[in-house]
Amino acid sequence: MAEPVIRRRPDLVTLVTGVLALLMSVAAFVDWLPAIDVRWVLAAGAALLGLTLLVSSLRGRRT
């Protein structure tokens, strides 16, 4: 007898972060971004990445 297939939902935090990163890369490629100091962009990206990793680790695994 076949076992039922367990469907998993996508991780919402990772999905949102990926979409935001994709939008920022498109905006940078098309030159839609205003003149901003690159160091601030890197610092904000590092803070966002750290926050995302923290939230993901606190959520735990659901199977």
N, C-alpha and C. Protein backbone atom coordinates (compact mmCIF):
# COMPACT_ATOMS: atom_id res chain seq x y z
N MET A 1 0.85 -1.18 0.00
CA MET A 1 0.00 0.00 0.00
C MET A 1 0.89 1.24 0.00
N ALA A 2 0.53 2.19 -0.77
CA ALA A 2 1.34 3.41 -0.90
C ALA A 2 1.11 4.34 0.29
N GLU A 3 2.21 4.95 0.71
CA GLU A 3 2.10 5.91 1.82
C GLU A 3 1.61 7.26 1.28
N PRO A 4 0.85 7.99 2.09
CA PRO A 4 0.37 9.29 1.61
C PRO A 4 1.52 10.29 1.46
N VAL A 5 1.41 11.12 0.46
CA VAL A 5 2.43 12.12 0.19
C VAL A 5 2.19 13.32 1.09
N ILE A 6 3.23 13.71 1.83
CA ILE A 6 3.13 14.86 2.72
C ILE A 6 3.61 16.09 1.96
N ARG A 7 2.72 17.05 1.79
CA ARG A 7 3.09 18.27 1.08
C ARG A 7 3.61 19.28 2.07
N ARG A 8 4.70 19.92 1.70
CA ARG A 8 5.30 20.93 2.56
C ARG A 8 5.08 22.29 1.96
N ARG A 9 4.76 23.25 2.81
CA ARG A 9 4.60 24.62 2.36
C ARG A 9 5.96 25.28 2.29
N PRO A 10 6.10 26.27 1.41
CA PRO A 10 7.39 26.99 1.36
C PRO A 10 7.60 27.82 2.63
N ASP A 11 8.85 28.00 3.00
CA ASP A 11 9.20 28.81 4.16
C ASP A 11 8.95 30.28 3.81
N LEU A 12 8.05 30.92 4.54
CA LEU A 12 7.62 32.28 4.22
C LEU A 12 8.76 33.29 4.38
N VAL A 13 9.57 33.16 5.42
CA VAL A 13 10.66 34.10 5.66
C VAL A 13 11.68 34.04 4.52
N THR A 14 12.05 32.85 4.13
CA THR A 14 13.02 32.70 3.06
C THR A 14 12.45 33.15 1.72
N LEU A 15 11.17 32.88 1.49
CA LEU A 15 10.53 33.30 0.25
C LEU A 15 10.49 34.82 0.13
N VAL A 16 10.10 35.50 1.19
CA VAL A 16 10.04 36.97 1.16
C VAL A 16 11.44 37.56 0.98
N THR A 17 12.41 37.02 1.68
CA THR A 17 13.78 37.51 1.56
C THR A 17 14.31 37.31 0.14
N GLY A 18 14.03 36.18 -0.45
CA GLY A 18 14.46 35.92 -1.82
C GLY A 18 13.81 36.86 -2.82
N VAL A 19 12.52 37.13 -2.65
CA VAL A 19 11.83 38.05 -3.55
C VAL A 19 12.39 39.47 -3.40
N LEU A 20 12.63 39.89 -2.18
CA LEU A 20 13.20 41.22 -1.96
C LEU A 20 14.60 41.34 -2.57
N ALA A 21 15.41 40.31 -2.42
CA ALA A 21 16.75 40.32 -3.00
C ALA A 21 16.67 40.37 -4.52
N LEU A 22 15.73 39.64 -5.10
CA LEU A 22 15.55 39.66 -6.54
C LEU A 22 15.12 41.04 -7.02
N LEU A 23 14.19 41.67 -6.32
CA LEU A 23 13.74 43.01 -6.69
C LEU A 23 14.87 44.04 -6.58
N MET A 24 15.68 43.93 -5.53
CA MET A 24 16.80 44.87 -5.38
C MET A 24 17.84 44.67 -6.48
N SER A 25 18.09 43.43 -6.86
CA SER A 25 19.07 43.20 -7.92
C SER A 25 18.57 43.71 -9.27
N VAL A 26 17.28 43.56 -9.54
CA VAL A 26 16.71 44.10 -10.77
C VAL A 26 16.78 45.62 -10.75
N ALA A 27 16.44 46.23 -9.61
CA ALA A 27 16.49 47.70 -9.50
C ALA A 27 17.91 48.21 -9.68
N ALA A 28 18.89 47.51 -9.16
CA ALA A 28 20.28 47.93 -9.33
C ALA A 28 20.74 47.74 -10.77
N PHE A 29 20.28 46.67 -11.40
CA PHE A 29 20.67 46.40 -12.79
C PHE A 29 20.09 47.44 -13.74
N VAL A 30 18.86 47.85 -13.48
CA VAL A 30 18.19 48.80 -14.37
C VAL A 30 18.52 50.24 -13.98
N ASP A 31 19.20 50.41 -12.88
CA ASP A 31 19.61 51.72 -12.38
C ASP A 31 18.42 52.56 -11.90
N TRP A 32 17.52 51.91 -11.16
CA TRP A 32 16.38 52.60 -10.55
C TRP A 32 16.71 53.14 -9.17
N LEU A 33 17.85 52.77 -8.65
CA LEU A 33 18.19 53.15 -7.28
C LEU A 33 18.76 54.57 -7.25
N PRO A 34 18.42 55.34 -6.24
CA PRO A 34 19.04 56.66 -6.11
C PRO A 34 20.51 56.51 -5.70
N ALA A 35 21.23 57.60 -5.77
CA ALA A 35 22.65 57.58 -5.40
C ALA A 35 22.77 57.40 -3.89
N ILE A 36 23.12 56.21 -3.46
CA ILE A 36 23.25 55.87 -2.04
C ILE A 36 24.67 55.34 -1.82
N ASP A 37 25.22 55.65 -0.68
CA ASP A 37 26.54 55.14 -0.34
C ASP A 37 26.48 53.61 -0.24
N VAL A 38 27.36 52.93 -0.95
CA VAL A 38 27.35 51.47 -1.01
C VAL A 38 27.56 50.85 0.37
N ARG A 39 28.31 51.51 1.23
CA ARG A 39 28.57 50.96 2.56
C ARG A 39 27.29 50.82 3.36
N TRP A 40 26.36 51.77 3.21
CA TRP A 40 25.07 51.69 3.91
C TRP A 40 24.23 50.54 3.36
N VAL A 41 24.29 50.33 2.07
CA VAL A 41 23.54 49.23 1.46
C VAL A 41 24.09 47.89 1.96
N LEU A 42 25.41 47.76 2.02
CA LEU A 42 26.01 46.52 2.53
C LEU A 42 25.68 46.30 4.00
N ALA A 43 25.71 47.37 4.79
CA ALA A 43 25.37 47.24 6.21
C ALA A 43 23.91 46.84 6.40
N ALA A 44 23.02 47.44 5.63
CA ALA A 44 21.59 47.09 5.73
C ALA A 44 21.35 45.66 5.26
N GLY A 45 22.05 45.25 4.20
CA GLY A 45 21.91 43.88 3.73
C GLY A 45 22.41 42.86 4.74
N ALA A 46 23.52 43.17 5.39
CA ALA A 46 24.05 42.27 6.42
C ALA A 46 23.11 42.18 7.61
N ALA A 47 22.53 43.32 8.00
CA ALA A 47 21.58 43.31 9.12
C ALA A 47 20.32 42.52 8.76
N LEU A 48 19.83 42.70 7.54
CA LEU A 48 18.65 41.96 7.11
C LEU A 48 18.92 40.46 7.02
N LEU A 49 20.08 40.10 6.51
CA LEU A 49 20.44 38.70 6.44
C LEU A 49 20.56 38.08 7.84
N GLY A 50 21.20 38.80 8.75
CA GLY A 50 21.32 38.30 10.12
C GLY A 50 19.97 38.14 10.79
N LEU A 51 19.09 39.10 10.58
CA LEU A 51 17.74 39.01 11.16
C LEU A 51 16.96 37.84 10.56
N THR A 52 17.11 37.64 9.27
CA THR A 52 16.43 36.52 8.62
C THR A 52 16.94 35.18 9.14
N LEU A 53 18.24 35.05 9.29
CA LEU A 53 18.80 33.81 9.83
C LEU A 53 18.36 33.58 11.27
N LEU A 54 18.29 34.65 12.04
CA LEU A 54 17.85 34.52 13.43
C LEU A 54 16.41 34.06 13.50
N VAL A 55 15.54 34.68 12.73
CA VAL A 55 14.12 34.30 12.73
C VAL A 55 13.96 32.87 12.25
N SER A 56 14.70 32.49 11.22
CA SER A 56 14.60 31.12 10.71
C SER A 56 15.06 30.10 11.73
N SER A 57 16.09 30.42 12.48
CA SER A 57 16.59 29.46 13.48
C SER A 57 15.65 29.36 14.68
N LEU A 58 14.95 30.43 14.99
CA LEU A 58 14.03 30.40 16.13
C LEU A 58 12.72 29.70 15.80
N ARG A 59 12.36 29.63 14.54
CA ARG A 59 11.11 29.01 14.14
C ARG A 59 11.12 27.50 14.33
N GLY A 60 12.28 26.88 14.20
CA GLY A 60 12.36 25.44 14.38
C GLY A 60 11.90 24.69 13.15
N ARG A 61 11.98 23.39 13.23
CA ARG A 61 11.58 22.54 12.10
C ARG A 61 10.22 21.92 12.38
N ARG A 62 9.40 21.96 11.33
CA ARG A 62 8.10 21.27 11.40
C ARG A 62 8.10 20.20 10.33
N THR A 63 7.74 19.00 10.72
CA THR A 63 7.70 17.92 9.73
C THR A 63 6.32 17.36 9.60
